[in-house]
Amino acid sequence: MAEKTKVKVYIDGANMFYTQKHLGWNLDWAKIKDCIQAKKEVIEWRYYVAVKQGDENMLEYLRYLNAIGFSAVTKPLKKIRVGAGGEEVKYIYKANFDVEIATDILLEKSNIDEIIIFSGDSDFEYLVRKLKSLGRNAVIYSSRKTISWELKLAASSVIYLDDLEKEIKRIQ
């Protein structure tokens, strides 16, 4: 029997949150884990997400991810003031993990054959091209509506979550 491809999985939590909104259903990470591990030897699962202070729902979600074997990489959600002078002051919340994900992937790419990224963000196009130039496959998991065309063209392959609904949809 052939050896399974060794992979690491990196999940852009914010991007997957919006992907699920576009899909109209939620992902079941335990099912996704089973599907991928049936075909590949997963060395590590990493889930990157910002946490708003006092957000007990997110903390519970992170405990769930930990229980199924994911490592969470977190940082505080930033509250950014928008508007100045006579404008109405508004606040938006923001956190971006693109640099952290890219750095972790590039620093930890040895001894693996393939990188799996759950995101459709075009910011990962350059990273994916670099990985391919280094002889690593870069597989993207996203939805048809949320993947950028740049990332789609750069990836070694794209797996559409839309096509896996029956296997990976969370049942309420």
C-alpha atoms as a PDB file:
ATOM      1  CA  MET A   1       0.000   0.000   0.000  1.00  0.00           C
ATOM      2  CA  ALA A   2       1.315   3.441  -0.939  1.00  0.00           C
ATOM      3  CA  GLU A   3       2.240   5.902   1.761  1.00  0.00           C
ATOM      4  CA  LYS A   4      -0.251   8.699   2.319  1.00  0.00           C
ATOM      5  CA  THR A   5       0.684  12.233   1.331  1.00  0.00           C
ATOM      6  CA  LYS A   6       1.921  14.190   4.366  1.00  0.00           C
ATOM      7  CA  VAL A   7       0.037  17.465   4.793  1.00  0.00           C
ATOM      8  CA  LYS A   8      -0.538  20.345   7.150  1.00  0.00           C
ATOM      9  CA  VAL A   9      -3.878  22.151   7.201  1.00  0.00           C
ATOM     10  CA  TYR A  10      -4.228  25.890   7.747  1.00  0.00           C
ATOM     11  CA  ILE A  11      -7.687  27.397   8.230  1.00  0.00           C
ATOM     12  CA  ASP A  12      -8.469  31.099   7.835  1.00  0.00           C
ATOM     13  CA  GLY A  13     -11.287  31.229  10.401  1.00  0.00           C
ATOM     14  CA  ALA A  14     -12.694  34.609   9.338  1.00  0.00           C
ATOM     15  CA  ASN A  15     -12.743  33.608   5.681  1.00  0.00           C
ATOM     16  CA  MET A  16     -14.484  30.329   6.517  1.00  0.00           C
ATOM     17  CA  PHE A  17     -17.067  32.226   8.593  1.00  0.00           C
ATOM     18  CA  TYR A  18     -18.046  34.253   5.510  1.00  0.00           C
ATOM     19  CA  THR A  19     -17.817  31.219   3.250  1.00  0.00           C
ATOM     20  CA  GLN A  20     -20.395  29.449   5.422  1.00  0.00           C
ATOM     21  CA  LYS A  21     -22.695  32.473   5.193  1.00  0.00           C
ATOM     22  CA  HIS A  22     -22.480  32.291   1.384  1.00  0.00           C
ATOM     23  CA  LEU A  23     -23.024  28.533   1.378  1.00  0.00           C
ATOM     24  CA  GLY A  24     -26.071  28.838   3.632  1.00  0.00           C
ATOM     25  CA  TRP A  25     -24.922  25.959   5.835  1.00  0.00           C
ATOM     26  CA  ASN A  26     -22.206  25.293   8.413  1.00  0.00           C
ATOM     27  CA  LEU A  27     -19.138  23.152   8.118  1.00  0.00           C
ATOM     28  CA  ASP A  28     -18.638  20.223  10.475  1.00  0.00           C
ATOM     29  CA  TRP A  29     -14.911  20.282  11.174  1.00  0.00           C
ATOM     30  CA  ALA A  30     -14.905  16.758  12.614  1.00  0.00           C
ATOM     31  CA  LYS A  31     -16.408  15.445   9.352  1.00  0.00           C
ATOM     32  CA  ILE A  32     -13.936  17.463   7.296  1.00  0.00           C
ATOM     33  CA  LYS A  33     -11.115  16.050   9.367  1.00  0.00           C
ATOM     34  CA  ASP A  34     -12.323  12.492   8.769  1.00  0.00           C
ATOM     35  CA  CYS A  35     -12.671  13.086   5.001  1.00  0.00           C
ATOM     36  CA  ILE A  36      -9.173  14.481   4.593  1.00  0.00           C
ATOM     37  CA  GLN A  37      -7.489  12.007   6.941  1.00  0.00           C
ATOM     38  CA  ALA A  38      -9.018   9.102   5.034  1.00  0.00           C
ATOM     39  CA  LYS A  39      -6.763  10.058   2.102  1.00  0.00           C
ATOM     40  CA  LYS A  40      -3.845  11.939   3.626  1.00  0.00           C
ATOM     41  CA  GLU A  41      -1.568  11.844   6.646  1.00  0.00           C
ATOM     42  CA  VAL A  42      -2.325  15.120   8.406  1.00  0.00           C
ATOM     43  CA  ILE A  43       0.556  16.277  10.573  1.00  0.00           C
ATOM     44  CA  GLU A  44      -1.288  19.261  12.022  1.00  0.00           C
ATOM     45  CA  TRP A  45      -4.558  21.204  11.873  1.00  0.00           C
ATOM     46  CA  ARG A  46      -4.345  24.945  12.589  1.00  0.00           C
ATOM     47  CA  TYR A  47      -7.316  27.275  12.905  1.00  0.00           C
ATOM     48  CA  TYR A  48      -6.591  31.033  12.902  1.00  0.00           C
ATOM     49  CA  VAL A  49      -9.195  33.325  14.424  1.00  0.00           C
ATOM     50  CA  ALA A  50      -9.533  36.604  16.303  1.00  0.00           C
ATOM     51  CA  VAL A  51     -11.337  36.617  19.620  1.00  0.00           C
ATOM     52  CA  LYS A  52     -13.447  39.497  20.878  1.00  0.00           C
ATOM     53  CA  GLN A  53     -12.957  40.120  24.588  1.00  0.00           C
ATOM     54  CA  GLY A  54     -15.619  38.309  26.624  1.00  0.00           C
ATOM     55  CA  ASP A  55     -16.927  36.260  23.660  1.00  0.00           C
ATOM     56  CA  GLU A  56     -17.919  33.058  25.442  1.00  0.00           C
ATOM     57  CA  ASN A  57     -19.392  31.535  22.266  1.00  0.00           C
ATOM     58  CA  MET A  58     -16.024  31.802  20.526  1.00  0.00           C
ATOM     59  CA  LEU A  59     -14.226  30.360  23.529  1.00  0.00           C
ATOM     60  CA  GLU A  60     -16.622  27.416  23.513  1.00  0.00           C
ATOM     61  CA  TYR A  61     -16.017  26.965  19.775  1.00  0.00           C
ATOM     62  CA  LEU A  62     -12.245  26.969  20.373  1.00  0.00           C
ATOM     63  CA  ARG A  63     -12.668  24.301  23.070  1.00  0.00           C
ATOM     64  CA  TYR A  64     -14.589  22.185  20.516  1.00  0.00           C
ATOM     65  CA  LEU A  65     -11.803  22.614  17.940  1.00  0.00           C
ATOM     66  CA  ASN A  66      -9.215  21.663  20.540  1.00  0.00           C
ATOM     67  CA  ALA A  67     -11.229  18.570  21.493  1.00  0.00           C
ATOM     68  CA  ILE A  68     -11.187  17.328  17.889  1.00  0.00           C
ATOM     69  CA  GLY A  69      -7.445  17.909  17.549  1.00  0.00           C
ATOM     70  CA  PHE A  70      -7.108  21.397  16.062  1.00  0.00           C
ATOM     71  CA  SER A  71      -4.584  23.941  17.311  1.00  0.00           C
ATOM     72  CA  ALA A  72      -6.103  27.402  17.562  1.00  0.00           C
ATOM     73  CA  VAL A  73      -3.981  30.437  16.816  1.00  0.00           C
ATOM     74  CA  THR A  74      -5.701  33.502  18.231  1.00  0.00           C
ATOM     75  CA  LYS A  75      -5.247  37.201  18.777  1.00  0.00           C
ATOM     76  CA  PRO A  76      -7.561  39.926  20.067  1.00  0.00           C
ATOM     77  CA  LEU A  77     -10.092  41.408  17.705  1.00  0.00           C
ATOM     78  CA  LYS A  78      -9.228  45.068  17.093  1.00  0.00           C
ATOM     79  CA  LYS A  79     -11.843  47.766  17.559  1.00  0.00           C
ATOM     80  CA  ILE A  80     -11.163  50.455  14.967  1.00  0.00           C
ATOM     81  CA  ARG A  81     -12.737  53.900  14.979  1.00  0.00           C
ATOM     82  CA  VAL A  82     -14.129  54.984  11.614  1.00  0.00           C
ATOM     83  CA  GLY A  83     -15.054  58.583  10.921  1.00  0.00           C
ATOM     84  CA  ALA A  84     -13.577  61.851  12.092  1.00  0.00           C
ATOM     85  CA  GLY A  85     -14.473  65.495  12.505  1.00  0.00           C
ATOM     86  CA  GLY A  86     -18.177  66.115  11.959  1.00  0.00           C
ATOM     87  CA  GLU A  87     -18.879  62.569  10.768  1.00  0.00           C
ATOM     88  CA  GLU A  88     -20.758  60.086  12.869  1.00  0.00           C
ATOM     89  CA  VAL A  89     -18.225  57.957  14.723  1.00  0.00           C
ATOM     90  CA  LYS A  90     -18.556  54.255  14.055  1.00  0.00           C
ATOM     91  CA  TYR A  91     -16.480  51.287  15.062  1.00  0.00           C
ATOM     92  CA  ILE A  92     -15.589  48.205  13.102  1.00  0.00           C
ATOM     93  CA  TYR A  93     -13.930  45.053  14.350  1.00  0.00           C
ATOM     94  CA  LYS A  94     -11.023  43.666  12.402  1.00  0.00           C
ATOM     95  CA  ALA A  95      -8.301  41.064  12.562  1.00  0.00           C
ATOM     96  CA  ASN A  96      -6.247  39.708   9.745  1.00  0.00           C
ATOM     97  CA  PHE A  97      -4.185  36.527   9.924  1.00  0.00           C
ATOM     98  CA  ASP A  98      -2.760  36.443   6.400  1.00  0.00           C
ATOM     99  CA  VAL A  99       0.791  37.248   7.536  1.00  0.00           C
ATOM    100  CA  GLU A 100       0.688  34.739  10.397  1.00  0.00           C
ATOM    101  CA  ILE A 101      -0.653  31.962   8.169  1.00  0.00           C
ATOM    102  CA  ALA A 102       1.900  32.666   5.428  1.00  0.00           C
ATOM    103  CA  THR A 103       4.773  32.850   7.921  1.00  0.00           C
ATOM    104  CA  ASP A 104       3.792  29.619   9.659  1.00  0.00           C
ATOM    105  CA  ILE A 105       3.446  27.797   6.340  1.00  0.00           C
ATOM    106  CA  LEU A 106       6.824  28.943   5.044  1.00  0.00           C
ATOM    107  CA  LEU A 107       8.633  28.202   8.311  1.00  0.00           C
ATOM    108  CA  GLU A 108       7.051  24.761   8.735  1.00  0.00           C
ATOM    109  CA  LYS A 109       6.988  23.418   5.170  1.00  0.00           C
ATOM    110  CA  SER A 110       9.754  20.842   5.593  1.00  0.00           C
ATOM    111  CA  ASN A 111       8.899  17.141   5.861  1.00  0.00           C
ATOM    112  CA  ILE A 112       5.505  17.624   4.242  1.00  0.00           C
ATOM    113  CA  ASP A 113       4.346  17.069   0.687  1.00  0.00           C
ATOM    114  CA  GLU A 114       1.321  19.311   0.566  1.00  0.00           C
ATOM    115  CA  ILE A 115      -0.201  22.370   2.184  1.00  0.00           C
ATOM    116  CA  ILE A 116      -3.973  22.638   2.521  1.00  0.00           C
ATOM    117  CA  ILE A 117      -5.411  26.109   2.985  1.00  0.00           C
ATOM    118  CA  PHE A 118      -9.057  26.735   3.838  1.00  0.00           C
ATOM    119  CA  SER A 119      -9.555  30.210   2.389  1.00  0.00           C
ATOM    120  CA  GLY A 120     -10.497  31.919  -0.832  1.00  0.00           C
ATOM    121  CA  ASP A 121      -8.544  35.090  -0.100  1.00  0.00           C
ATOM    122  CA  SER A 122      -6.508  36.450  -3.023  1.00  0.00           C
ATOM    123  CA  ASP A 123      -3.830  37.539  -0.534  1.00  0.00           C
ATOM    124  CA  PHE A 124      -2.651  33.905  -0.498  1.00  0.00           C
ATOM    125  CA  GLU A 125      -1.920  33.835  -4.237  1.00  0.00           C
ATOM    126  CA  TYR A 126       1.737  34.850  -3.841  1.00  0.00           C
ATOM    127  CA  LEU A 127       2.260  32.316  -1.045  1.00  0.00           C
ATOM    128  CA  VAL A 128       0.732  29.538  -3.154  1.00  0.00           C
ATOM    129  CA  ARG A 129       2.963  30.414  -6.118  1.00  0.00           C
ATOM    130  CA  LYS A 130       6.038  30.351  -3.842  1.00  0.00           C
ATOM    131  CA  LEU A 131       5.061  26.977  -2.392  1.00  0.00           C
ATOM    132  CA  LYS A 132       4.677  25.529  -5.868  1.00  0.00           C
ATOM    133  CA  SER A 133       8.094  26.903  -6.888  1.00  0.00           C
ATOM    134  CA  LEU A 134       9.511  25.077  -3.849  1.00  0.00           C
ATOM    135  CA  GLY A 135       7.957  21.805  -4.997  1.00  0.00           C
ATOM    136  CA  ARG A 136       5.015  21.768  -2.600  1.00  0.00           C
ATOM    137  CA  ASN A 137       1.423  21.231  -3.646  1.00  0.00           C
ATOM    138  CA  ALA A 138      -0.925  23.922  -2.391  1.00  0.00           C
ATOM    139  CA  VAL A 139      -4.521  22.742  -2.214  1.00  0.00           C
ATOM    140  CA  ILE A 140      -7.257  25.290  -1.585  1.00  0.00           C
ATOM    141  CA  TYR A 141     -10.603  24.477   0.025  1.00  0.00           C
ATOM    142  CA  SER A 142     -13.193  27.184  -0.608  1.00  0.00           C
ATOM    143  CA  SER A 143     -16.597  27.755  -2.142  1.00  0.00           C
ATOM    144  CA  ARG A 144     -17.262  28.727  -5.717  1.00  0.00           C
ATOM    145  CA  LYS A 145     -18.692  32.084  -4.589  1.00  0.00           C
ATOM    146  CA  THR A 146     -15.893  33.055  -2.213  1.00  0.00           C
ATOM    147  CA  ILE A 147     -12.685  31.964  -3.943  1.00  0.00           C
ATOM    148  CA  SER A 148     -10.749  34.672  -5.739  1.00  0.00           C
ATOM    149  CA  TRP A 149      -9.856  33.999  -9.347  1.00  0.00           C
ATOM    150  CA  GLU A 150      -6.178  34.740  -8.579  1.00  0.00           C
ATOM    151  CA  LEU A 151      -6.014  32.049  -5.912  1.00  0.00           C
ATOM    152  CA  LYS A 152      -7.963  29.602  -8.065  1.00  0.00           C
ATOM    153  CA  LEU A 153      -5.456  29.994 -10.902  1.00  0.00           C
ATOM    154  CA  ALA A 154      -2.407  29.753  -8.619  1.00  0.00           C
ATOM    155  CA  ALA A 155      -3.460  26.670  -6.626  1.00  0.00           C
ATOM    156  CA  SER A 156      -2.228  23.158  -7.361  1.00  0.00           C
ATOM    157  CA  SER A 157      -5.859  22.165  -7.003  1.00  0.00           C
ATOM    158  CA  VAL A 158      -9.106  23.544  -5.616  1.00  0.00           C
ATOM    159  CA  ILE A 159     -11.658  21.543  -3.657  1.00  0.00           C
ATOM    160  CA  TYR A 160     -15.064  23.181  -3.612  1.00  0.00           C
ATOM    161  CA  LEU A 161     -16.883  22.865  -0.313  1.00  0.00           C
ATOM    162  CA  ASP A 162     -20.146  23.185  -2.270  1.00  0.00           C
ATOM    163  CA  ASP A 163     -19.464  19.769  -3.826  1.00  0.00           C
ATOM    164  CA  LEU A 164     -18.898  18.140  -0.428  1.00  0.00           C
ATOM    165  CA  GLU A 165     -22.066  19.346   1.287  1.00  0.00           C
ATOM    166  CA  LYS A 166     -23.466  15.847   1.934  1.00  0.00           C
ATOM    167  CA  GLU A 167     -20.194  14.730   3.540  1.00  0.00           C
ATOM    168  CA  ILE A 168     -19.238  17.812   5.567  1.00  0.00           C
ATOM    169  CA  LYS A 169     -22.410  19.728   6.431  1.00  0.00           C
ATOM    170  CA  ARG A 170     -23.041  20.156  10.134  1.00  0.00           C
ATOM    171  CA  ILE A 171     -26.385  18.715  11.117  1.00  0.00           C
ATOM    172  CA  GLN A 172     -28.085  20.959  13.687  1.00  0.00           C
END
